[in-house]
Amino acid sequence: RITKLMDPAEATGEYIGVTLIEGEAAEELADALKTTFERDPDLYYEDGYQELVNRGFKVDVEPIGDVKWVEIDNHEDLAKGRKIACQY
């Protein structure tokens, strides 16, 4: 299940916003995202990925290892992101 509403203790992992989309899935993904947006514009693009899974597509995950990262939603997150980026 792909959702932002899942208890982290039950999750396999957390999506960090990096996706490899195979060419043969692009058109179907675009349609799933469009369908999701038309259903409710306030949903997240992860909901579009879940729509794709509901249509029978398989989504794989890949561990990133011990890599520091931050989701940037506000200025505080941006400051954290800049500190992390400077380490590389």
Protein backbone atom coordinates (compact mmCIF):
# COMPACT_ATOMS: atom_id res chain seq x y z
CA ARG A 1 0.00 0.00 0.00
CA ILE A 2 1.32 3.44 -0.92
CA THR A 3 0.05 6.21 1.33
CA LYS A 4 1.22 9.13 3.45
CA LEU A 5 -1.29 8.05 6.10
CA MET A 6 0.45 4.79 7.05
CA ASP A 7 1.93 4.26 10.50
CA PRO A 8 5.72 4.31 9.92
CA ALA A 9 6.06 1.20 12.10
CA GLU A 10 4.00 -0.73 9.52
CA ALA A 11 5.77 0.65 6.45
CA THR A 12 8.40 -1.09 4.35
CA GLY A 13 10.07 2.27 3.86
CA GLU A 14 9.52 5.91 3.08
CA TYR A 15 9.36 7.44 -0.38
CA ILE A 16 11.98 10.16 -0.79
CA GLY A 17 10.73 11.53 -4.09
CA VAL A 18 13.08 9.69 -6.43
CA THR A 19 11.46 7.49 -9.07
CA LEU A 20 12.77 5.50 -12.02
CA ILE A 21 9.90 5.16 -14.48
CA GLU A 22 10.34 2.59 -17.21
CA GLY A 23 9.24 3.86 -20.63
CA GLU A 24 6.49 1.28 -21.01
CA ALA A 25 4.86 2.49 -17.77
CA ALA A 26 4.93 6.23 -18.54
CA GLU A 27 1.61 6.51 -20.37
CA GLU A 28 -0.28 4.41 -17.82
CA LEU A 29 1.31 6.33 -14.94
CA ALA A 30 0.33 9.65 -16.52
CA ASP A 31 -3.25 8.40 -16.82
CA ALA A 32 -3.26 7.15 -13.21
CA LEU A 33 -1.99 10.53 -11.99
CA LYS A 34 -4.60 12.35 -14.07
CA THR A 35 -7.37 10.10 -12.73
CA THR A 36 -6.20 10.71 -9.17
CA PHE A 37 -6.07 14.48 -9.65
CA GLU A 38 -9.51 14.55 -11.24
CA ARG A 39 -10.90 12.52 -8.34
CA ASP A 40 -9.47 14.92 -5.76
CA PRO A 41 -6.94 17.68 -6.52
CA ASP A 42 -5.81 17.65 -2.88
CA LEU A 43 -4.45 14.09 -3.08
CA TYR A 44 -0.71 13.43 -3.28
CA TYR A 45 1.15 12.03 -6.27
CA GLU A 46 1.79 8.92 -4.14
CA ASP A 47 -1.97 8.35 -4.41
CA GLY A 48 -1.47 8.29 -8.17
CA TYR A 49 1.16 5.60 -7.74
CA GLN A 50 -1.33 3.61 -5.66
CA GLU A 51 -3.86 4.02 -8.48
CA LEU A 52 -1.27 2.52 -10.82
CA VAL A 53 -0.77 -0.42 -8.45
CA ASN A 54 -4.55 -0.87 -8.25
CA ARG A 55 -4.49 -1.26 -12.04
CA GLY A 56 -2.10 -4.19 -11.74
CA PHE A 57 1.30 -2.52 -12.12
CA LYS A 58 4.11 -3.61 -9.83
CA VAL A 59 6.10 -0.97 -7.95
CA ASP A 60 9.49 -2.00 -6.61
CA VAL A 61 11.49 -0.32 -3.87
CA GLU A 62 15.21 0.12 -3.47
CA PRO A 63 16.99 0.79 -0.18
CA ILE A 64 19.23 3.85 -0.22
CA GLY A 65 21.36 2.80 2.73
CA ASP A 66 22.52 5.14 5.44
CA VAL A 67 22.11 8.38 3.49
CA LYS A 68 21.02 11.62 5.11
CA TRP A 69 18.08 13.30 3.40
CA VAL A 70 15.20 15.61 4.24
CA GLU A 71 11.82 16.30 2.70
CA ILE A 72 11.65 20.03 2.03
CA ASP A 73 8.25 21.54 2.70
CA ASN A 74 9.20 24.80 4.42
CA HIS A 75 12.11 27.14 5.22
CA GLU A 76 13.20 25.09 8.24
CA ASP A 77 13.42 21.96 6.07
CA LEU A 78 15.35 23.94 3.46
CA ALA A 79 17.93 24.95 6.07
CA LYS A 80 18.33 21.28 7.07
CA GLY A 81 18.66 20.32 3.41
CA ARG A 82 21.40 22.86 2.85
CA LYS A 83 23.36 21.51 5.83
CA ILE A 84 23.04 17.97 4.47
CA ALA A 85 24.02 19.04 0.93
CA CYS A 86 27.19 20.71 2.21
CA GLN A 87 28.37 17.33 3.53
CA TYR A 88 28.65 16.02 -0.02
